[in-house]
Amino acid sequence: MKNVIDFVIISGYWPPAGGFGLNANLLETNLINSGVVLGLPVYSGKGVCAGRISLSNLLNNRKQTILSTIRDAEERYEEATDKLKQARTRLQQAKIKADEIRINGLSRMEGEKQDLVDSADGNSKRLEDSKNATIRFEEQRAIEQVRQQVSRLALERALEVLNIRLNSELQSRMIDYHIDLLVRAAENTTD
């Protein structure tokens, strides 16, 4: 402590033309020095008080700015939450609509598939019926052709046999036999 006092005393000793200085020893100071020493903090204190007022105003302004920013953020958060809820609702509606479309599409596809199967079955049945009718027709035609050929061949053979075996006496007996048959038939119808 003695070193500090010595420093102040030594540095406080100035020659009279040495300039302005500050004497911290209250016993050696005069009234002007005391006024300067006491006035300086008072003068600086006014600025500090004024600074406190403006600092208080700055802090209040900053507080209001922060509060308004927080309110704006909360409002935006609420709006975003509402929009999110609306978007989720629209998404659910879109999912429901997509499911309905998918179900309708599947049912329509199944219906068309069944229609195609029924149509193909009908066409197959008609083709089968047509095939069977054609087969029956061809069988009947083949049978008729065979019958005609058999009849023709039988007649040809009968004629050949008749020509070979038939003589005039046999011809007259046959004619007489058939005439008797006709006469009997005519008599039966008149009775």
Protein backbone atom coordinates (compact mmCIF):
# COMPACT_ATOMS: atom_id res chain seq x y z
CA MET A 1 0.00 0.00 0.00
CA LYS A 2 2.89 2.29 0.78
CA ASN A 3 4.09 1.85 -2.84
CA VAL A 4 0.78 3.07 -4.19
CA ILE A 5 0.84 6.11 -1.90
CA ASP A 6 4.40 6.85 -2.85
CA PHE A 7 3.47 6.61 -6.51
CA VAL A 8 0.54 8.97 -6.07
CA ILE A 9 2.70 11.40 -4.07
CA ILE A 10 5.54 11.27 -6.56
CA SER A 11 3.29 11.50 -9.57
CA GLY A 12 1.24 14.14 -7.78
CA TYR A 13 4.23 16.40 -7.37
CA TRP A 14 4.40 18.50 -10.43
CA PRO A 15 6.09 21.67 -11.08
CA PRO A 16 3.65 24.65 -11.10
CA ALA A 17 3.68 24.98 -14.91
CA GLY A 18 3.42 21.31 -15.43
CA GLY A 19 -0.23 21.22 -16.50
CA PHE A 20 -3.39 19.81 -15.16
CA GLY A 21 -3.30 16.93 -12.73
CA LEU A 22 -5.39 15.12 -10.25
CA ASN A 23 -4.44 15.06 -6.59
CA ALA A 24 -6.06 12.11 -4.87
CA ASN A 25 -4.89 13.10 -1.40
CA LEU A 26 -7.90 14.81 0.08
CA LEU A 27 -5.88 16.64 2.68
CA GLU A 28 -3.72 18.37 0.10
CA THR A 29 -6.47 19.20 -2.38
CA ASN A 30 -8.08 22.53 -2.60
CA LEU A 31 -11.69 23.40 -3.15
CA ILE A 32 -11.50 23.43 -6.97
CA ASN A 33 -9.93 20.03 -7.07
CA SER A 34 -12.61 18.74 -4.70
CA GLY A 35 -15.33 20.22 -6.92
CA VAL A 36 -13.83 18.59 -9.99
CA VAL A 37 -13.41 15.31 -8.16
CA LEU A 38 -17.00 15.31 -6.92
CA GLY A 39 -18.55 16.91 -10.04
CA LEU A 40 -17.11 14.44 -12.47
CA PRO A 41 -18.98 11.44 -11.09
CA VAL A 42 -22.18 13.47 -10.75
CA TYR A 43 -21.89 14.62 -14.35
CA SER A 44 -21.09 11.09 -15.51
CA GLY A 45 -23.92 9.74 -13.37
CA LYS A 46 -26.44 11.91 -15.23
CA GLY A 47 -25.42 10.30 -18.47
CA VAL A 48 -25.58 6.92 -16.82
CA CYS A 49 -29.07 7.71 -15.51
CA ALA A 50 -30.08 9.01 -18.90
CA GLY A 51 -28.42 5.92 -20.34
CA ARG A 52 -30.40 3.85 -17.92
CA ILE A 53 -33.61 5.42 -19.15
CA SER A 54 -32.69 4.93 -22.79
CA LEU A 55 -31.29 1.48 -21.95
CA SER A 56 -34.58 0.72 -20.21
CA ASN A 57 -36.43 1.98 -23.27
CA LEU A 58 -34.21 -0.13 -25.51
CA LEU A 59 -34.79 -3.17 -23.33
CA ASN A 60 -38.55 -2.54 -23.29
CA ASN A 61 -38.56 -2.08 -27.06
CA ARG A 62 -36.52 -5.24 -27.47
CA LYS A 63 -38.87 -7.07 -25.11
CA GLN A 64 -41.90 -5.87 -27.10
CA THR A 65 -40.21 -6.91 -30.35
CA ILE A 66 -39.43 -10.35 -28.96
CA LEU A 67 -42.98 -10.73 -27.62
CA SER A 68 -44.51 -9.67 -30.93
CA THR A 69 -42.16 -12.07 -32.75
CA ILE A 70 -43.22 -14.85 -30.38
CA ARG A 71 -46.91 -14.00 -30.94
CA ASP A 72 -46.36 -13.99 -34.71
CA ALA A 73 -44.57 -17.32 -34.47
CA GLU A 74 -47.41 -18.76 -32.39
CA GLU A 75 -49.97 -17.48 -34.90
CA ARG A 76 -47.98 -18.96 -37.77
CA TYR A 77 -47.70 -22.20 -35.78
CA GLU A 78 -51.49 -22.27 -35.31
CA GLU A 79 -52.02 -21.53 -39.01
CA ALA A 80 -49.54 -24.22 -39.96
CA THR A 81 -51.25 -26.66 -37.56
CA ASP A 82 -54.65 -25.83 -39.08
CA LYS A 83 -53.27 -26.23 -42.60
CA LEU A 84 -51.68 -29.53 -41.58
CA LYS A 85 -55.01 -30.74 -40.19
CA GLN A 86 -56.75 -29.67 -43.39
CA ALA A 87 -54.08 -31.37 -45.48
CA ARG A 88 -54.45 -34.56 -43.44
CA THR A 89 -58.21 -34.40 -43.87
CA ARG A 90 -57.81 -33.93 -47.63
CA LEU A 91 -55.30 -36.78 -47.67
CA GLN A 92 -57.75 -39.07 -45.89
CA GLN A 93 -60.50 -38.03 -48.30
CA ALA A 94 -58.17 -38.66 -51.23
CA LYS A 95 -57.28 -42.09 -49.82
CA ILE A 96 -60.96 -42.92 -49.41
CA LYS A 97 -61.70 -41.72 -52.94
CA ALA A 98 -58.73 -43.70 -54.29
CA ASP A 99 -59.99 -46.81 -52.48
CA GLU A 100 -63.47 -46.27 -53.91
CA ILE A 101 -62.04 -45.84 -57.41
CA ARG A 102 -59.88 -48.93 -56.96
CA ILE A 103 -62.83 -50.98 -55.66
CA ASN A 104 -65.08 -49.72 -58.46
CA GLY A 105 -62.37 -50.47 -60.99
CA LEU A 106 -61.87 -53.96 -59.58
CA SER A 107 -65.60 -54.68 -59.53
CA ARG A 108 -65.99 -53.29 -63.05
CA MET A 109 -63.02 -55.37 -64.15
CA GLU A 110 -64.54 -58.48 -62.54
CA GLY A 111 -67.88 -57.72 -64.21
CA GLU A 112 -66.27 -57.26 -67.61
CA LYS A 113 -64.20 -60.38 -67.04
CA GLN A 114 -67.37 -62.32 -66.20
CA ASP A 115 -69.10 -60.85 -69.26
CA LEU A 116 -66.19 -61.94 -71.44
CA VAL A 117 -66.22 -65.43 -69.90
CA ASP A 118 -70.00 -65.67 -70.39
CA SER A 119 -69.66 -64.41 -73.96
CA ALA A 120 -66.86 -66.86 -74.66
CA ASP A 121 -68.92 -69.67 -73.12
CA GLY A 122 -71.91 -68.66 -75.25
CA ASN A 123 -69.76 -68.49 -78.37
CA SER A 124 -68.21 -71.84 -77.50
CA LYS A 125 -71.66 -73.37 -76.98
CA ARG A 126 -72.94 -71.94 -80.25
CA LEU A 127 -69.86 -73.24 -82.05
CA GLU A 128 -70.33 -76.62 -80.40
CA ASP A 129 -74.01 -76.67 -81.40
CA SER A 130 -73.11 -75.58 -84.92
CA LYS A 131 -70.43 -78.25 -85.08
CA ASN A 132 -72.84 -80.91 -83.82
CA ALA A 133 -75.52 -79.77 -86.30
CA THR A 134 -72.99 -79.87 -89.10
CA ILE A 135 -71.85 -83.32 -88.02
CA ARG A 136 -75.47 -84.57 -87.88
CA PHE A 137 -76.19 -83.01 -91.26
CA GLU A 138 -73.10 -84.60 -92.76
CA GLU A 139 -73.99 -87.94 -91.14
CA GLN A 140 -77.53 -87.74 -92.56
CA ARG A 141 -76.18 -86.82 -95.96
CA ALA A 142 -73.62 -89.62 -95.83
CA ILE A 143 -76.32 -92.07 -94.69
CA GLU A 144 -78.64 -90.87 -97.47
CA GLN A 145 -75.86 -91.22 -100.04
CA VAL A 146 -75.04 -94.72 -98.75
CA ARG A 147 -78.76 -95.60 -98.75
CA GLN A 148 -79.12 -94.34 -102.33
CA GLN A 149 -76.05 -96.27 -103.42
CA VAL A 150 -77.25 -99.40 -101.62
CA SER A 151 -80.70 -99.01 -103.18
CA ARG A 152 -79.22 -98.42 -106.59
CA LEU A 153 -76.88 -101.38 -106.24
CA ALA A 154 -79.72 -103.55 -104.90
CA LEU A 155 -81.93 -102.56 -107.83
CA GLU A 156 -79.14 -103.18 -110.27
CA ARG A 157 -78.52 -106.63 -108.81
CA ALA A 158 -82.23 -107.37 -108.65
CA LEU A 159 -82.57 -106.37 -112.28
CA GLU A 160 -79.62 -108.51 -113.18
CA VAL A 161 -81.07 -111.45 -111.26
CA LEU A 162 -84.48 -110.87 -112.76
CA ASN A 163 -83.07 -110.61 -116.22
CA ILE A 164 -81.13 -113.80 -115.71
CA ARG A 165 -83.93 -115.81 -114.00
CA LEU A 166 -87.01 -114.19 -115.36
CA ASN A 167 -88.50 -115.89 -118.32
CA SER A 168 -91.89 -115.38 -119.93
CA GLU A 169 -93.73 -117.94 -117.82
CA LEU A 170 -92.41 -116.48 -114.56
CA GLN A 171 -93.30 -113.01 -115.76
CA SER A 172 -96.88 -113.95 -116.49
CA ARG A 173 -97.22 -115.66 -113.06
CA MET A 174 -95.96 -112.53 -111.33
CA ILE A 175 -98.25 -110.32 -113.25
CA ASP A 176 -101.21 -112.56 -112.40
CA TYR A 177 -100.24 -112.59 -108.73
CA HIS A 178 -100.03 -108.83 -108.50
CA ILE A 179 -103.31 -108.40 -110.37
CA ASP A 180 -105.00 -110.67 -107.82
CA LEU A 181 -103.54 -108.57 -105.01
CA LEU A 182 -104.91 -105.40 -106.56
CA VAL A 183 -108.35 -106.90 -107.05
CA ARG A 184 -108.53 -108.08 -103.46
CA ALA A 185 -107.44 -104.71 -102.20
CA ALA A 186 -110.10 -103.05 -104.33
CA GLU A 187 -112.78 -105.40 -103.04
CA ASN A 188 -111.77 -104.75 -99.41
CA THR A 189 -112.06 -101.01 -99.88
CA THR A 190 -115.55 -101.27 -101.42
CA ASP A 191 -116.91 -103.43 -98.61
